[in-house]
Amino acid sequence: SHSHVDIKIHSAERSDTGFYQCVASSSKDEDSSETVQVIVRKKTTIESSQEPIDALEGGTITVQCNHNTDPEIQESLSVNWFKDGREIRDDDRIIKKQSELIIKDLKQS
């Protein structure tokens, strides 16, 4: 009969990366084993130590987004920009990049 055994790692850390092996043995037959590679990646974090930006109407500002991402998942990273909880749409005054948002010809709200 089949039986199923799980191993759960809570709050995984990068040091948990490695090869995990399950070995089933009984007195009646040969040992059976299966090996699984587990790779724990660094979580993406954003450094938020920015001061408020003072700017004049008609000027240009650059808002930084300093994120640290595991190099192996860098390519799959997507960054979205929001203002007051709503996603910022592209327009000819706004340049959205992964690490900065540039707004030209500023308007007062």
PDB file of N, CA and C in Angstrom:
ATOM      1  N   SER A   1       0.844  -1.194   0.000  1.00  0.00           N
ATOM      2  CA  SER A   1       0.000   0.000   0.000  1.00  0.00           C
ATOM      3  C   SER A   1       0.880   1.245   0.000  1.00  0.00           C
ATOM      4  N   HIS A   2       0.360   2.314  -0.572  1.00  0.00           N
ATOM      5  CA  HIS A   2       1.086   3.583  -0.629  1.00  0.00           C
ATOM      6  C   HIS A   2       0.871   4.371   0.656  1.00  0.00           C
ATOM      7  N   SER A   3       1.923   4.960   1.159  1.00  0.00           N
ATOM      8  CA  SER A   3       1.750   5.926   2.237  1.00  0.00           C
ATOM      9  C   SER A   3       2.558   7.154   1.874  1.00  0.00           C
ATOM     10  N   HIS A   4       2.136   8.289   2.404  1.00  0.00           N
ATOM     11  CA  HIS A   4       2.715   9.566   1.995  1.00  0.00           C
ATOM     12  C   HIS A   4       3.266  10.262   3.233  1.00  0.00           C
ATOM     13  N   VAL A   5       4.508  10.707   3.155  1.00  0.00           N
ATOM     14  CA  VAL A   5       5.122  11.414   4.279  1.00  0.00           C
ATOM     15  C   VAL A   5       5.653  12.743   3.761  1.00  0.00           C
ATOM     16  N   ASP A   6       5.332  13.818   4.475  1.00  0.00           N
ATOM     17  CA  ASP A   6       5.799  15.156   4.090  1.00  0.00           C
ATOM     18  C   ASP A   6       6.841  15.637   5.073  1.00  0.00           C
ATOM     19  N   ILE A   7       7.724  16.505   4.583  1.00  0.00           N
ATOM     20  CA  ILE A   7       8.579  17.274   5.490  1.00  0.00           C
ATOM     21  C   ILE A   7       8.206  18.729   5.235  1.00  0.00           C
ATOM     22  N   LYS A   8       7.954  19.461   6.302  1.00  0.00           N
ATOM     23  CA  LYS A   8       7.618  20.879   6.153  1.00  0.00           C
ATOM     24  C   LYS A   8       8.696  21.701   6.835  1.00  0.00           C
ATOM     25  N   ILE A   9       9.166  22.722   6.138  1.00  0.00           N
ATOM     26  CA  ILE A   9      10.147  23.637   6.718  1.00  0.00           C
ATOM     27  C   ILE A   9       9.446  24.984   6.873  1.00  0.00           C
ATOM     28  N   HIS A  10       9.235  25.395   8.093  1.00  0.00           N
ATOM     29  CA  HIS A  10       8.593  26.683   8.339  1.00  0.00           C
ATOM     30  C   HIS A  10       9.663  27.761   8.434  1.00  0.00           C
ATOM     31  N   SER A  11       9.343  28.965   7.986  1.00  0.00           N
ATOM     32  CA  SER A  11      10.291  30.091   8.000  1.00  0.00           C
ATOM     33  C   SER A  11      11.624  29.675   7.371  1.00  0.00           C
ATOM     34  N   ALA A  12      11.544  29.188   6.148  1.00  0.00           N
ATOM     35  CA  ALA A  12      12.742  28.703   5.449  1.00  0.00           C
ATOM     36  C   ALA A  12      13.813  29.780   5.388  1.00  0.00           C
ATOM     37  N   GLU A  13      15.048  29.367   5.546  1.00  0.00           N
ATOM     38  CA  GLU A  13      16.192  30.266   5.453  1.00  0.00           C
ATOM     39  C   GLU A  13      17.086  29.788   4.330  1.00  0.00           C
ATOM     40  N   ARG A  14      17.970  30.670   3.885  1.00  0.00           N
ATOM     41  CA  ARG A  14      18.849  30.285   2.784  1.00  0.00           C
ATOM     42  C   ARG A  14      19.724  29.099   3.150  1.00  0.00           C
ATOM     43  N   SER A  15      20.021  28.955   4.453  1.00  0.00           N
ATOM     44  CA  SER A  15      20.845  27.824   4.900  1.00  0.00           C
ATOM     45  C   SER A  15      20.097  26.491   4.779  1.00  0.00           C
ATOM     46  N   ASP A  16      18.780  26.528   4.529  1.00  0.00           N
ATOM     47  CA  ASP A  16      18.015  25.291   4.320  1.00  0.00           C
ATOM     48  C   ASP A  16      18.195  24.744   2.908  1.00  0.00           C
ATOM     49  N   THR A  17      18.887  25.481   2.034  1.00  0.00           N
ATOM     50  CA  THR A  17      19.166  25.014   0.678  1.00  0.00           C
ATOM     51  C   THR A  17      20.010  23.741   0.757  1.00  0.00           C
ATOM     52  N   GLY A  18      19.671  22.755  -0.061  1.00  0.00           N
ATOM     53  CA  GLY A  18      20.470  21.526  -0.078  1.00  0.00           C
ATOM     54  C   GLY A  18      19.706  20.383  -0.709  1.00  0.00           C
ATOM     55  N   PHE A  19      20.255  19.192  -0.583  1.00  0.00           N
ATOM     56  CA  PHE A  19      19.637  17.992  -1.133  1.00  0.00           C
ATOM     57  C   PHE A  19      18.991  17.218   0.012  1.00  0.00           C
ATOM     58  N   TYR A  20      17.702  16.979  -0.108  1.00  0.00           N
ATOM     59  CA  TYR A  20      16.952  16.251   0.919  1.00  0.00           C
ATOM     60  C   TYR A  20      16.640  14.870   0.375  1.00  0.00           C
ATOM     61  N   GLN A  21      16.884  13.864   1.218  1.00  0.00           N
ATOM     62  CA  GLN A  21      16.700  12.486   0.777  1.00  0.00           C
ATOM     63  C   GLN A  21      15.715  11.776   1.691  1.00  0.00           C
ATOM     64  N   CYS A  22      14.777  11.095   1.064  1.00  0.00           N
ATOM     65  CA  CYS A  22      13.809  10.269   1.794  1.00  0.00           C
ATOM     66  C   CYS A  22      14.228   8.822   1.555  1.00  0.00           C
ATOM     67  N   VAL A  23      14.458   8.080   2.615  1.00  0.00           N
ATOM     68  CA  VAL A  23      14.846   6.674   2.488  1.00  0.00           C
ATOM     69  C   VAL A  23      13.798   5.814   3.190  1.00  0.00           C
ATOM     70  N   ALA A  24      13.168   4.930   2.416  1.00  0.00           N
ATOM     71  CA  ALA A  24      12.178   4.009   2.988  1.00  0.00           C
ATOM     72  C   ALA A  24      12.820   2.638   3.092  1.00  0.00           C
ATOM     73  N   SER A  25      12.735   2.044   4.275  1.00  0.00           N
ATOM     74  CA  SER A  25      13.330   0.708   4.420  1.00  0.00           C
ATOM     75  C   SER A  25      12.423  -0.179   5.251  1.00  0.00           C
ATOM     76  N   SER A  26      12.473  -1.445   4.928  1.00  0.00           N
ATOM     77  CA  SER A  26      11.742  -2.430   5.734  1.00  0.00           C
ATOM     78  C   SER A  26      12.587  -3.694   5.774  1.00  0.00           C
ATOM     79  N   SER A  27      12.241  -4.564   6.677  1.00  0.00           N
ATOM     80  CA  SER A  27      13.019  -5.798   6.799  1.00  0.00           C
ATOM     81  C   SER A  27      12.729  -6.748   5.641  1.00  0.00           C
ATOM     82  N   LYS A  28      11.680  -6.485   4.885  1.00  0.00           N
ATOM     83  CA  LYS A  28      11.243  -7.413   3.831  1.00  0.00           C
ATOM     84  C   LYS A  28      11.885  -7.150   2.465  1.00  0.00           C
ATOM     85  N   ASP A  29      12.270  -5.862   2.168  1.00  0.00           N
ATOM     86  CA  ASP A  29      12.836  -5.600   0.845  1.00  0.00           C
ATOM     87  C   ASP A  29      13.960  -4.567   0.917  1.00  0.00           C
ATOM     88  N   GLU A  30      14.504  -4.242  -0.240  1.00  0.00           N
ATOM     89  CA  GLU A  30      15.628  -3.306  -0.302  1.00  0.00           C
ATOM     90  C   GLU A  30      15.174  -1.880   0.015  1.00  0.00           C
ATOM     91  N   ASP A  31      16.147  -1.068   0.493  1.00  0.00           N
ATOM     92  CA  ASP A  31      15.858   0.336   0.758  1.00  0.00           C
ATOM     93  C   ASP A  31      15.492   1.031  -0.556  1.00  0.00           C
ATOM     94  N   SER A  32      14.582   1.970  -0.466  1.00  0.00           N
ATOM     95  CA  SER A  32      14.207   2.778  -1.617  1.00  0.00           C
ATOM     96  C   SER A  32      14.395   4.235  -1.211  1.00  0.00           C
ATOM     97  N   SER A  33      14.940   5.040  -2.131  1.00  0.00           N
ATOM     98  CA  SER A  33      15.166   6.430  -1.748  1.00  0.00           C
ATOM     99  C   SER A  33      14.872   7.389  -2.899  1.00  0.00           C
ATOM    100  N   GLU A  34      14.613   8.603  -2.533  1.00  0.00           N
ATOM    101  CA  GLU A  34      14.350   9.668  -3.498  1.00  0.00           C
ATOM    102  C   GLU A  34      15.043  10.918  -2.974  1.00  0.00           C
ATOM    103  N   THR A  35      15.723  11.660  -3.870  1.00  0.00           N
ATOM    104  CA  THR A  35      16.414  12.880  -3.466  1.00  0.00           C
ATOM    105  C   THR A  35      15.792  14.076  -4.185  1.00  0.00           C
ATOM    106  N   VAL A  36      15.577  15.134  -3.434  1.00  0.00           N
ATOM    107  CA  VAL A  36      15.006  16.363  -3.993  1.00  0.00           C
ATOM    108  C   VAL A  36      15.921  17.521  -3.629  1.00  0.00           C
ATOM    109  N   GLN A  37      16.224  18.360  -4.625  1.00  0.00           N
ATOM    110  CA  GLN A  37      17.023  19.546  -4.352  1.00  0.00           C
ATOM    111  C   GLN A  37      16.084  20.680  -3.956  1.00  0.00           C
ATOM    112  N   VAL A  38      16.419  21.356  -2.863  1.00  0.00           N
ATOM    113  CA  VAL A  38      15.650  22.513  -2.400  1.00  0.00           C
ATOM    114  C   VAL A  38      16.552  23.735  -2.499  1.00  0.00           C
ATOM    115  N   ILE A  39      16.054  24.779  -3.175  1.00  0.00           N
ATOM    116  CA  ILE A  39      16.809  26.023  -3.293  1.00  0.00           C
ATOM    117  C   ILE A  39      15.979  27.129  -2.636  1.00  0.00           C
ATOM    118  N   VAL A  40      16.516  27.733  -1.598  1.00  0.00           N
ATOM    119  CA  VAL A  40      15.824  28.830  -0.923  1.00  0.00           C
ATOM    120  C   VAL A  40      16.451  30.136  -1.417  1.00  0.00           C
ATOM    121  N   ARG A  41      15.642  30.969  -2.032  1.00  0.00           N
ATOM    122  CA  ARG A  41      16.121  32.232  -2.590  1.00  0.00           C
ATOM    123  C   ARG A  41      15.907  33.371  -1.593  1.00  0.00           C
ATOM    124  N   LYS A  42      16.727  34.398  -1.761  1.00  0.00           N
ATOM    125  CA  LYS A  42      16.583  35.591  -0.926  1.00  0.00           C
ATOM    126  C   LYS A  42      15.301  36.331  -1.326  1.00  0.00           C
ATOM    127  N   LYS A  43      14.533  36.765  -0.330  1.00  0.00           N
ATOM    128  CA  LYS A  43      13.326  37.533  -0.606  1.00  0.00           C
ATOM    129  C   LYS A  43      13.693  38.901  -1.161  1.00  0.00           C
ATOM    130  N   THR A  44      12.856  39.406  -2.057  1.00  0.00           N
ATOM    131  CA  THR A  44      13.061  40.763  -2.560  1.00  0.00           C
ATOM    132  C   THR A  44      12.650  41.753  -1.469  1.00  0.00           C
ATOM    133  N   THR A  45      13.512  42.706  -1.209  1.00  0.00           N
ATOM    134  CA  THR A  45      13.199  43.743  -0.222  1.00  0.00           C
ATOM    135  C   THR A  45      13.393  45.106  -0.867  1.00  0.00           C
ATOM    136  N   ILE A  46      12.714  46.098  -0.307  1.00  0.00           N
ATOM    137  CA  ILE A  46      12.856  47.472  -0.777  1.00  0.00           C
ATOM    138  C   ILE A  46      13.337  48.321   0.381  1.00  0.00           C
ATOM    139  N   GLU A  47      14.418  49.050   0.135  1.00  0.00           N
ATOM    140  CA  GLU A  47      14.937  49.970   1.157  1.00  0.00           C
ATOM    141  C   GLU A  47      14.087  51.230   1.111  1.00  0.00           C
ATOM    142  N   SER A  48      13.507  51.571   2.242  1.00  0.00           N
ATOM    143  CA  SER A  48      12.666  52.766   2.262  1.00  0.00           C
ATOM    144  C   SER A  48      13.190  53.752   3.299  1.00  0.00           C
ATOM    145  N   SER A  49      14.119  54.556   2.888  1.00  0.00           N
ATOM    146  CA  SER A  49      14.678  55.555   3.807  1.00  0.00           C
ATOM    147  C   SER A  49      14.641  56.918   3.130  1.00  0.00           C
ATOM    148  N   GLN A  50      13.557  57.159   2.390  1.00  0.00           N
ATOM    149  CA  GLN A  50      13.510  58.372   1.587  1.00  0.00           C
ATOM    150  C   GLN A  50      12.816  59.509   2.320  1.00  0.00           C
ATOM    151  N   GLU A  51      13.378  60.673   2.134  1.00  0.00           N
ATOM    152  CA  GLU A  51      12.780  61.897   2.664  1.00  0.00           C
ATOM    153  C   GLU A  51      11.682  62.342   1.694  1.00  0.00           C
ATOM    154  N   PRO A  52      10.704  63.127   2.193  1.00  0.00           N
ATOM    155  CA  PRO A  52       9.721  63.690   1.254  1.00  0.00           C
ATOM    156  C   PRO A  52      10.428  64.529   0.190  1.00  0.00           C
ATOM    157  N   ILE A  53       9.888  64.532  -1.016  1.00  0.00           N
ATOM    158  CA  ILE A  53      10.492  65.288  -2.115  1.00  0.00           C
ATOM    159  C   ILE A  53       9.716  66.597  -2.276  1.00  0.00           C
ATOM    160  N   ASP A  54      10.434  67.710  -2.142  1.00  0.00           N
ATOM    161  CA  ASP A  54       9.840  69.034  -2.370  1.00  0.00           C
ATOM    162  C   ASP A  54      10.132  69.437  -3.799  1.00  0.00           C
ATOM    163  N   ALA A  55       9.114  69.838  -4.546  1.00  0.00           N
ATOM    164  CA  ALA A  55       9.339  70.199  -5.942  1.00  0.00           C
ATOM    165  C   ALA A  55       8.407  71.326  -6.344  1.00  0.00           C
ATOM    166  N   LEU A  56       8.788  72.032  -7.386  1.00  0.00           N
ATOM    167  CA  LEU A  56       7.980  73.123  -7.900  1.00  0.00           C
ATOM    168  C   LEU A  56       7.169  72.662  -9.099  1.00  0.00           C
ATOM    169  N   GLU A  57       5.990  73.278  -9.250  1.00  0.00           N
ATOM    170  CA  GLU A  57       5.146  73.007 -10.409  1.00  0.00           C
ATOM    171  C   GLU A  57       5.953  73.238 -11.681  1.00  0.00           C
ATOM    172  N   GLY A  58       5.797  72.329 -12.662  1.00  0.00           N
ATOM    173  CA  GLY A  58       6.531  72.456 -13.912  1.00  0.00           C
ATOM    174  C   GLY A  58       7.906  71.817 -13.884  1.00  0.00           C
ATOM    175  N   GLY A  59       8.366  71.430 -12.682  1.00  0.00           N
ATOM    176  CA  GLY A  59       9.684  70.809 -12.542  1.00  0.00           C
ATOM    177  C   GLY A  59       9.650  69.315 -12.820  1.00  0.00           C
ATOM    178  N   THR A  60      10.760  68.661 -12.561  1.00  0.00           N
ATOM    179  CA  THR A  60      10.898  67.214 -12.770  1.00  0.00           C
ATOM    180  C   THR A  60      11.379  66.574 -11.467  1.00  0.00           C
ATOM    181  N   ILE A  61      10.803  65.425 -11.112  1.00  0.00           N
ATOM    182  CA  ILE A  61      11.282  64.686  -9.941  1.00  0.00           C
ATOM    183  C   ILE A  61      11.619  63.257 -10.339  1.00  0.00           C
ATOM    184  N   THR A  62      12.497  62.655  -9.530  1.00  0.00           N
ATOM    185  CA  THR A  62      12.837  61.245  -9.683  1.00  0.00           C
ATOM    186  C   THR A  62      12.599  60.564  -8.336  1.00  0.00           C
ATOM    187  N   VAL A  63      11.738  59.557  -8.331  1.00  0.00           N
ATOM    188  CA  VAL A  63      11.459  58.781  -7.123  1.00  0.00           C
ATOM    189  C   VAL A  63      12.228  57.468  -7.252  1.00  0.00           C
ATOM    190  N   GLN A  64      13.067  57.174  -6.264  1.00  0.00           N
ATOM    191  CA  GLN A  64      13.899  55.966  -6.309  1.00  0.00           C
ATOM    192  C   GLN A  64      13.151  54.763  -5.721  1.00  0.00           C
ATOM    193  N   CYS A  65      13.414  53.588  -6.265  1.00  0.00           N
ATOM    194  CA  CYS A  65      12.929  52.336  -5.687  1.00  0.00           C
ATOM    195  C   CYS A  65      14.142  51.412  -5.592  1.00  0.00           C
ATOM    196  N   ASN A  66      14.778  51.395  -4.425  1.00  0.00           N
ATOM    197  CA  ASN A  66      15.994  50.592  -4.250  1.00  0.00           C
ATOM    198  C   ASN A  66      15.612  49.202  -3.759  1.00  0.00           C
ATOM    199  N   HIS A  67      15.559  48.261  -4.696  1.00  0.00           N
ATOM    200  CA  HIS A  67      15.172  46.901  -4.308  1.00  0.00           C
ATOM    201  C   HIS A  67      16.366  45.949  -4.397  1.00  0.00           C
ATOM    202  N   ASN A  68      16.396  45.007  -3.462  1.00  0.00           N
ATOM    203  CA  ASN A  68      17.418  43.949  -3.465  1.00  0.00           C
ATOM    204  C   ASN A  68      16.717  42.653  -3.826  1.00  0.00           C
ATOM    205  N   THR A  69      17.196  42.023  -4.893  1.00  0.00           N
ATOM    206  CA  THR A  69      16.567  40.806  -5.404  1.00  0.00           C
ATOM    207  C   THR A  69      17.625  39.741  -5.614  1.00  0.00           C
ATOM    208  N   ASP A  70      17.275  38.502  -5.325  1.00  0.00           N
ATOM    209  CA  ASP A  70      18.178  37.385  -5.593  1.00  0.00           C
ATOM    210  C   ASP A  70      18.529  37.408  -7.080  1.00  0.00           C
ATOM    211  N   PRO A  71      19.840  37.354  -7.430  1.00  0.00           N
ATOM    212  CA  PRO A  71      20.233  37.419  -8.846  1.00  0.00           C
ATOM    213  C   PRO A  71      19.539  36.378  -9.726  1.00  0.00           C
ATOM    214  N   GLU A  72      19.225  35.217  -9.163  1.00  0.00           N
ATOM    215  CA  GLU A  72      18.600  34.149  -9.954  1.00  0.00           C
ATOM    216  C   GLU A  72      17.162  34.484 -10.358  1.00  0.00           C
ATOM    217  N   ILE A  73      16.514  35.384  -9.625  1.00  0.00           N
ATOM    218  CA  ILE A  73      15.125  35.717  -9.972  1.00  0.00           C
ATOM    219  C   ILE A  73      14.989  37.155 -10.479  1.00  0.00           C
ATOM    220  N   GLN A  74      16.114  37.823 -10.662  1.00  0.00           N
ATOM    221  CA  GLN A  74      16.126  39.213 -11.135  1.00  0.00           C
ATOM    222  C   GLN A  74      15.346  39.376 -12.442  1.00  0.00           C
ATOM    223  N   GLU A  75      15.521  38.432 -13.370  1.00  0.00           N
ATOM    224  CA  GLU A  75      14.881  38.533 -14.680  1.00  0.00           C
ATOM    225  C   GLU A  75      13.366  38.479 -14.596  1.00  0.00           C
ATOM    226  N   SER A  76      12.836  37.779 -13.586  1.00  0.00           N
ATOM    227  CA  SER A  76      11.384  37.641 -13.480  1.00  0.00           C
ATOM    228  C   SER A  76      10.755  38.752 -12.634  1.00  0.00           C
ATOM    229  N   LEU A  77      11.578  39.658 -12.108  1.00  0.00           N
ATOM    230  CA  LEU A  77      11.073  40.719 -11.247  1.00  0.00           C
ATOM    231  C   LEU A  77      10.280  41.743 -12.058  1.00  0.00           C
ATOM    232  N   SER A  78       9.107  42.101 -11.567  1.00  0.00           N
ATOM    233  CA  SER A  78       8.385  43.206 -12.193  1.00  0.00           C
ATOM    234  C   SER A  78       8.072  44.235 -11.113  1.00  0.00           C
ATOM    235  N   VAL A  79       8.207  45.488 -11.469  1.00  0.00           N
ATOM    236  CA  VAL A  79       7.974  46.584 -10.531  1.00  0.00           C
ATOM    237  C   VAL A  79       6.811  47.408 -11.064  1.00  0.00           C
ATOM    238  N   ASN A  80       5.795  47.613 -10.232  1.00  0.00           N
ATOM    239  CA  ASN A  80       4.667  48.460 -10.609  1.00  0.00           C
ATOM    240  C   ASN A  80       4.662  49.688  -9.711  1.00  0.00           C
ATOM    241  N   TRP A  81       4.263  50.798 -10.261  1.00  0.00           N
ATOM    242  CA  TRP A  81       4.244  52.059  -9.522  1.00  0.00           C
ATOM    243  C   TRP A  81       2.806  52.477  -9.256  1.00  0.00           C
ATOM    244  N   PHE A  82       2.560  52.954  -8.017  1.00  0.00           N
ATOM    245  CA  PHE A  82       1.225  53.375  -7.609  1.00  0.00           C
ATOM    246  C   PHE A  82       1.297  54.783  -7.015  1.00  0.00           C
ATOM    247  N   LYS A  83       0.228  55.534  -7.180  1.00  0.00           N
ATOM    248  CA  LYS A  83       0.080  56.843  -6.523  1.00  0.00           C
ATOM    249  C   LYS A  83      -1.253  56.822  -5.796  1.00  0.00           C
ATOM    250  N   ASP A  84      -1.221  57.079  -4.491  1.00  0.00           N
ATOM    251  CA  ASP A  84      -2.434  57.069  -3.659  1.00  0.00           C
ATOM    252  C   ASP A  84      -3.248  55.790  -3.860  1.00  0.00           C
ATOM    253  N   GLY A  85      -2.546  54.647  -3.989  1.00  0.00           N
ATOM    254  CA  GLY A  85      -3.215  53.349  -4.092  1.00  0.00           C
ATOM    255  C   GLY A  85      -3.659  52.956  -5.485  1.00  0.00           C
ATOM    256  N   ARG A  86      -3.499  53.841  -6.467  1.00  0.00           N
ATOM    257  CA  ARG A  86      -3.903  53.511  -7.845  1.00  0.00           C
ATOM    258  C   ARG A  86      -2.674  53.399  -8.732  1.00  0.00           C
ATOM    259  N   GLU A  87      -2.680  52.359  -9.605  1.00  0.00           N
ATOM    260  CA  GLU A  87      -1.521  52.153 -10.471  1.00  0.00           C
ATOM    261  C   GLU A  87      -1.343  53.350 -11.410  1.00  0.00           C
ATOM    262  N   ILE A  88      -0.084  53.758 -11.578  1.00  0.00           N
ATOM    263  CA  ILE A  88       0.230  54.897 -12.439  1.00  0.00           C
ATOM    264  C   ILE A  88       0.237  54.433 -13.885  1.00  0.00           C
ATOM    265  N   ARG A  89      -0.492  55.148 -14.709  1.00  0.00           N
ATOM    266  CA  ARG A  89      -0.545  54.823 -16.145  1.00  0.00           C
ATOM    267  C   ARG A  89       0.594  55.531 -16.867  1.00  0.00           C
ATOM    268  N   ASP A  90       1.008  54.934 -17.958  1.00  0.00           N
ATOM    269  CA  ASP A  90       2.036  55.571 -18.789  1.00  0.00           C
ATOM    270  C   ASP A  90       1.457  56.820 -19.434  1.00  0.00           C
ATOM    271  N   ASP A  91       2.228  57.881 -19.438  1.00  0.00           N
ATOM    272  CA  ASP A  91       1.903  59.010 -20.301  1.00  0.00           C
ATOM    273  C   ASP A  91       3.200  59.725 -20.646  1.00  0.00           C
ATOM    274  N   ASP A  92       3.114  60.748 -21.467  1.00  0.00           N
ATOM    275  CA  ASP A  92       4.354  61.338 -21.975  1.00  0.00           C
ATOM    276  C   ASP A  92       5.128  62.136 -20.932  1.00  0.00           C
ATOM    277  N   ARG A  93       4.541  62.355 -19.743  1.00  0.00           N
ATOM    278  CA  ARG A  93       5.277  63.049 -18.678  1.00  0.00           C
ATOM    279  C   ARG A  93       5.941  62.071 -17.709  1.00  0.00           C
ATOM    280  N   ILE A  94       5.549  60.795 -17.788  1.00  0.00           N
ATOM    281  CA  ILE A  94       5.978  59.821 -16.769  1.00  0.00           C
ATOM    282  C   ILE A  94       6.831  58.726 -17.398  1.00  0.00           C
ATOM    283  N   ILE A  95       8.003  58.499 -16.809  1.00  0.00           N
ATOM    284  CA  ILE A  95       8.882  57.408 -17.249  1.00  0.00           C
ATOM    285  C   ILE A  95       8.998  56.424 -16.093  1.00  0.00           C
ATOM    286  N   LYS A  96       8.487  55.201 -16.318  1.00  0.00           N
ATOM    287  CA  LYS A  96       8.527  54.178 -15.268  1.00  0.00           C
ATOM    288  C   LYS A  96       9.651  53.203 -15.568  1.00  0.00           C
ATOM    289  N   LYS A  97      10.570  53.060 -14.597  1.00  0.00           N
ATOM    290  CA  LYS A  97      11.654  52.093 -14.718  1.00  0.00           C
ATOM    291  C   LYS A  97      11.585  51.165 -13.517  1.00  0.00           C
ATOM    292  N   GLN A  98      12.436  50.117 -13.514  1.00  0.00           N
ATOM    293  CA  GLN A  98      12.429  49.194 -12.375  1.00  0.00           C
ATOM    294  C   GLN A  98      12.940  49.850 -11.106  1.00  0.00           C
ATOM    295  N   SER A  99      13.878  50.786 -11.243  1.00  0.00           N
ATOM    296  CA  SER A  99      14.470  51.356 -10.031  1.00  0.00           C
ATOM    297  C   SER A  99      14.151  52.831  -9.826  1.00  0.00           C
ATOM    298  N   GLU A 100      13.395  53.439 -10.765  1.00  0.00           N
ATOM    299  CA  GLU A 100      13.026  54.836 -10.560  1.00  0.00           C
ATOM    300  C   GLU A 100      11.809  55.224 -11.384  1.00  0.00           C
ATOM    301  N   LEU A 101      11.141  56.259 -10.874  1.00  0.00           N
ATOM    302  CA  LEU A 101       9.990  56.843 -11.548  1.00  0.00           C
ATOM    303  C   LEU A 101      10.331  58.310 -11.783  1.00  0.00           C
ATOM    304  N   ILE A 102      10.247  58.745 -13.041  1.00  0.00           N
ATOM    305  CA  ILE A 102      10.559  60.131 -13.371  1.00  0.00           C
ATOM    306  C   ILE A 102       9.268  60.802 -13.833  1.00  0.00           C
ATOM    307  N   ILE A 103       8.950  61.925 -13.200  1.00  0.00           N
ATOM    308  CA  ILE A 103       7.748  62.689 -13.591  1.00  0.00           C
ATOM    309  C   ILE A 103       8.194  64.079 -13.996  1.00  0.00           C
ATOM    310  N   LYS A 104       7.847  64.436 -15.237  1.00  0.00           N
ATOM    311  CA  LYS A 104       8.216  65.751 -15.776  1.00  0.00           C
ATOM    312  C   LYS A 104       7.003  66.675 -15.733  1.00  0.00           C
ATOM    313  N   ASP A 105       7.253  67.966 -15.847  1.00  0.00           N
ATOM    314  CA  ASP A 105       6.186  68.968 -15.928  1.00  0.00           C
ATOM    315  C   ASP A 105       5.162  68.748 -14.810  1.00  0.00           C
ATOM    316  N   LEU A 106       5.648  68.786 -13.570  1.00  0.00           N
ATOM    317  CA  LEU A 106       4.805  68.493 -12.406  1.00  0.00           C
ATOM    318  C   LEU A 106       3.593  69.403 -12.325  1.00  0.00           C
ATOM    319  N   LYS A 107       2.480  68.795 -11.857  1.00  0.00           N
ATOM    320  CA  LYS A 107       1.255  69.551 -11.653  1.00  0.00           C
ATOM    321  C   LYS A 107       0.874  69.454 -10.178  1.00  0.00           C
ATOM    322  N   GLN A 108       0.218  70.479  -9.657  1.00  0.00           N
ATOM    323  CA  GLN A 108      -0.269  70.413  -8.284  1.00  0.00           C
ATOM    324  C   GLN A 108      -1.562  69.612  -8.290  1.00  0.00           C
ATOM    325  N   SER A 109      -1.805  68.882  -7.187  1.00  0.00           N
ATOM    326  CA  SER A 109      -3.031  68.067  -7.176  1.00  0.00           C
ATOM    327  C   SER A 109      -4.255  68.944  -6.982  1.00  0.00           C
TER     328      SER A 109
END
